[in-house]
Amino acid sequence: MHYPPERSTPAEESWRIGSGEERFHTASDALLSWTAQKAAGLTLEDVRPASGPSYAGVSFDAEGKPISPSKREAEQRFDADGTPYVGPGMTIHVRGRVGGMKADAELRVISVTEEARRVGFTLGTVGGSVVSGEESFDLEWREDSDEVWFTVRAFDRPTRILYRMLPGLTRRRRRQLFARYLRAISPLYVTPV
């Protein structure tokens, strides 16, 4: 976030959403089943898993030593509506409005992290959005305090003339999306089904 791409606006927010293993697992399940996007008022369409095998990434053990990527394919999980959980390489089309502004875009899942105390994923715009950029969603269950933290990071570069001329629109849209994401993952708010 210290060196965002040229002409893009970075944003980052972190919230403590509870503590303990149960809170972490509940929030992780919600995050990976697209709850943040759905509760933000976005409709998910055309959810397509990556074609062919995907890179599983490298995980680290408790001492920080790298663990080689898994050689076996992970079993695909689905939410109650039959929507696939977040997976690397997946593409998705979202539609909706945020603060009266269009929020339609095709997105690709750049990476997914599923570790014992950290879960998250990163989305990048592919096309059709009023901004070009990335968003990352991370849950961390901190060992020292037992607290669960939800962090959203993003950088946006306006692609439409109106947003380029009025950069405050992009910042306002981002603040509203971040607030909606928090409501979706936090136990302090009721998450729509």
Protein backbone atom coordinates (compact mmCIF):
# COMPACT_ATOMS: atom_id res chain seq x y z
CA MET A 1 0.00 0.00 0.00
CA HIS A 2 3.05 2.25 0.31
CA TYR A 3 3.72 2.09 -3.45
CA PRO A 4 0.38 1.79 -5.27
CA PRO A 5 0.35 1.74 -9.07
CA GLU A 6 0.59 5.14 -10.73
CA ARG A 7 -2.60 7.28 -10.58
CA SER A 8 -4.31 4.86 -8.21
CA THR A 9 -5.67 5.62 -4.76
CA PRO A 10 -4.81 3.20 -1.94
CA ALA A 11 -7.15 2.43 0.94
CA GLU A 12 -6.88 0.16 3.97
CA GLU A 13 -9.09 -0.51 6.98
CA SER A 14 -8.75 -3.06 9.80
CA TRP A 15 -11.39 -4.00 12.35
CA ARG A 16 -11.33 -6.28 15.38
CA ILE A 17 -14.35 -8.54 14.85
CA GLY A 18 -14.11 -10.74 17.92
CA SER A 19 -11.84 -13.35 19.39
CA GLY A 20 -11.31 -17.07 19.46
CA GLU A 21 -11.22 -20.01 17.14
CA GLU A 22 -14.99 -20.22 16.55
CA ARG A 23 -15.18 -16.54 15.53
CA PHE A 24 -12.22 -17.02 13.16
CA HIS A 25 -13.73 -20.12 11.49
CA THR A 26 -17.19 -18.56 11.17
CA ALA A 27 -15.75 -15.40 9.61
CA SER A 28 -13.47 -17.45 7.33
CA ASP A 29 -16.40 -19.46 6.01
CA ALA A 30 -18.38 -16.26 5.41
CA LEU A 31 -15.47 -14.59 3.64
CA LEU A 32 -14.70 -17.51 1.30
CA SER A 33 -18.39 -17.92 0.39
CA TRP A 34 -18.54 -14.36 -1.02
CA THR A 35 -20.59 -13.03 1.93
CA ALA A 36 -18.73 -9.69 1.95
CA GLN A 37 -19.64 -9.02 -1.68
CA LYS A 38 -23.23 -10.27 -1.41
CA ALA A 39 -23.93 -8.26 1.75
CA ALA A 40 -22.38 -5.19 0.11
CA GLY A 41 -25.36 -5.27 -2.23
CA LEU A 42 -23.52 -6.82 -5.15
CA THR A 43 -25.09 -9.59 -7.22
CA LEU A 44 -22.73 -12.37 -8.26
CA GLU A 45 -23.16 -13.68 -11.79
CA ASP A 46 -21.23 -15.97 -14.08
CA VAL A 47 -19.00 -17.48 -11.38
CA ARG A 48 -16.43 -19.58 -13.24
CA PRO A 49 -13.73 -21.69 -11.60
CA ALA A 50 -10.29 -21.52 -13.21
CA SER A 51 -9.82 -23.77 -16.19
CA GLY A 52 -7.31 -26.50 -15.49
CA PRO A 53 -5.23 -27.01 -12.36
CA SER A 54 -4.43 -23.91 -10.34
CA TYR A 55 -1.40 -22.93 -8.33
CA ALA A 56 -1.94 -23.87 -4.70
CA GLY A 57 0.65 -21.44 -3.34
CA VAL A 58 3.20 -21.96 -0.61
CA SER A 59 2.18 -22.10 3.04
CA PHE A 60 4.41 -21.69 6.06
CA ASP A 61 4.63 -23.74 9.25
CA ALA A 62 4.66 -22.27 12.78
CA GLU A 63 8.43 -21.63 12.59
CA GLY A 64 8.08 -19.74 9.31
CA LYS A 65 9.55 -22.47 7.11
CA PRO A 66 7.95 -22.83 3.67
CA ILE A 67 5.80 -25.88 3.02
CA SER A 68 5.73 -27.03 -0.59
CA PRO A 69 2.51 -26.50 -2.57
CA SER A 70 -0.04 -29.27 -2.50
CA LYS A 71 0.11 -31.66 -5.45
CA ARG A 72 -3.53 -32.70 -5.14
CA GLU A 73 -6.54 -30.72 -6.22
CA ALA A 74 -8.61 -29.24 -3.42
CA GLU A 75 -12.24 -30.32 -3.30
CA GLN A 76 -14.54 -27.56 -4.57
CA ARG A 77 -16.88 -26.19 -1.88
CA PHE A 78 -20.25 -24.51 -2.46
CA ASP A 79 -22.47 -22.22 -0.38
CA ALA A 80 -26.17 -22.87 0.31
CA ASP A 81 -27.13 -21.23 -3.03
CA GLY A 82 -24.74 -23.49 -4.97
CA THR A 83 -22.19 -20.72 -5.61
CA PRO A 84 -18.61 -22.03 -5.56
CA TYR A 85 -16.39 -20.76 -2.75
CA VAL A 86 -13.55 -18.43 -3.67
CA GLY A 87 -10.79 -20.23 -5.60
CA PRO A 88 -7.58 -19.07 -7.29
CA GLY A 89 -8.02 -18.11 -10.95
CA MET A 90 -11.82 -17.95 -10.64
CA THR A 91 -13.62 -15.20 -12.54
CA ILE A 92 -16.86 -13.60 -11.47
CA HIS A 93 -19.11 -10.83 -12.68
CA VAL A 94 -20.59 -8.53 -10.03
CA ARG A 95 -23.43 -6.06 -10.50
CA GLY A 96 -24.87 -3.50 -8.16
CA ARG A 97 -24.86 0.05 -6.92
CA VAL A 98 -22.87 1.64 -4.13
CA GLY A 99 -24.07 5.04 -2.99
CA GLY A 100 -26.03 5.45 -6.21
CA MET A 101 -22.94 4.66 -8.28
CA LYS A 102 -22.59 1.70 -10.62
CA ALA A 103 -20.45 -1.16 -9.29
CA ASP A 104 -20.47 -3.58 -12.24
CA ALA A 105 -17.26 -5.41 -13.10
CA GLU A 106 -15.68 -8.66 -14.13
CA LEU A 107 -13.20 -9.75 -11.46
CA ARG A 108 -10.57 -12.46 -11.17
CA VAL A 109 -9.38 -14.11 -7.97
CA ILE A 110 -5.64 -13.47 -7.99
CA SER A 111 -4.74 -15.47 -4.90
CA VAL A 112 -6.31 -17.32 -1.98
CA THR A 113 -4.75 -17.91 1.44
CA GLU A 114 -6.02 -20.63 3.77
CA GLU A 115 -3.71 -21.11 6.73
CA ALA A 116 -4.33 -22.13 10.33
CA ARG A 117 -4.58 -18.50 11.53
CA ARG A 118 -4.93 -16.52 8.32
CA VAL A 119 -7.55 -16.69 5.55
CA GLY A 120 -8.08 -14.33 2.67
CA PHE A 121 -8.11 -13.63 -1.03
CA THR A 122 -7.29 -10.94 -3.56
CA LEU A 123 -9.55 -9.80 -6.42
CA GLY A 124 -8.48 -7.83 -9.47
CA THR A 125 -10.59 -6.08 -12.10
CA VAL A 126 -10.62 -7.68 -15.54
CA GLY A 127 -13.02 -5.35 -17.29
CA GLY A 128 -16.22 -3.34 -17.24
CA SER A 129 -15.59 -1.45 -14.01
CA VAL A 130 -15.52 2.32 -13.44
CA VAL A 131 -12.18 1.72 -11.71
CA SER A 132 -9.21 -0.53 -12.37
CA GLY A 133 -7.54 -2.07 -9.35
CA GLU A 134 -7.39 -4.77 -6.72
CA GLU A 135 -8.97 -5.57 -3.36
CA SER A 136 -7.67 -7.94 -0.73
CA PHE A 137 -9.68 -9.40 2.14
CA ASP A 138 -7.77 -10.89 5.08
CA LEU A 139 -8.80 -12.49 8.35
CA GLU A 140 -6.14 -13.00 10.99
CA TRP A 141 -6.53 -14.87 14.26
CA ARG A 142 -3.72 -13.40 16.36
CA GLU A 143 -1.93 -15.89 18.54
CA ASP A 144 -0.69 -13.38 21.13
CA SER A 145 -4.12 -11.86 21.92
CA ASP A 146 -6.62 -14.44 20.53
CA GLU A 147 -8.26 -11.53 18.65
CA VAL A 148 -9.69 -11.90 15.14
CA TRP A 149 -9.01 -9.02 12.76
CA PHE A 150 -10.56 -8.32 9.38
CA THR A 151 -8.49 -6.17 7.00
CA VAL A 152 -9.53 -4.87 3.59
CA ARG A 153 -6.98 -3.25 1.31
CA ALA A 154 -7.55 -1.79 -2.12
CA PHE A 155 -6.18 0.46 -4.77
CA ASP A 156 -8.31 1.99 -7.49
CA ARG A 157 -7.53 3.97 -10.61
CA PRO A 158 -10.59 5.60 -12.20
CA THR A 159 -11.23 4.49 -15.79
CA ARG A 160 -14.28 6.68 -16.49
CA ILE A 161 -13.95 10.40 -17.14
CA LEU A 162 -16.38 11.42 -14.37
CA TYR A 163 -14.37 9.51 -11.75
CA ARG A 164 -11.10 10.96 -13.05
CA MET A 165 -12.46 14.50 -12.86
CA LEU A 166 -14.00 13.97 -9.40
CA PRO A 167 -11.60 11.72 -7.42
CA GLY A 168 -13.74 12.14 -4.30
CA LEU A 169 -16.35 9.86 -5.91
CA THR A 170 -13.87 6.97 -5.95
CA ARG A 171 -12.93 7.56 -2.29
CA ARG A 172 -16.61 7.81 -1.24
CA ARG A 173 -17.47 4.62 -3.12
CA ARG A 174 -14.52 2.84 -1.46
CA ARG A 175 -15.54 3.96 2.08
CA GLN A 176 -19.09 2.73 1.51
CA LEU A 177 -17.89 -0.64 0.19
CA PHE A 178 -15.51 -1.09 3.14
CA ALA A 179 -18.34 -0.36 5.61
CA ARG A 180 -20.58 -2.90 3.86
CA TYR A 181 -17.82 -5.53 3.90
CA LEU A 182 -17.39 -5.04 7.65
CA ARG A 183 -21.12 -5.43 8.25
CA ALA A 184 -21.03 -8.70 6.34
CA ILE A 185 -18.20 -10.29 8.31
CA SER A 186 -18.64 -8.77 11.77
CA PRO A 187 -20.85 -10.49 14.38
CA LEU A 188 -21.99 -7.01 15.50
CA TYR A 189 -24.15 -6.78 12.38
CA VAL A 190 -26.80 -9.10 11.03
CA THR A 191 -25.59 -10.66 7.79
CA PRO A 192 -28.30 -11.08 5.14
CA VAL A 193 -28.89 -14.65 4.05
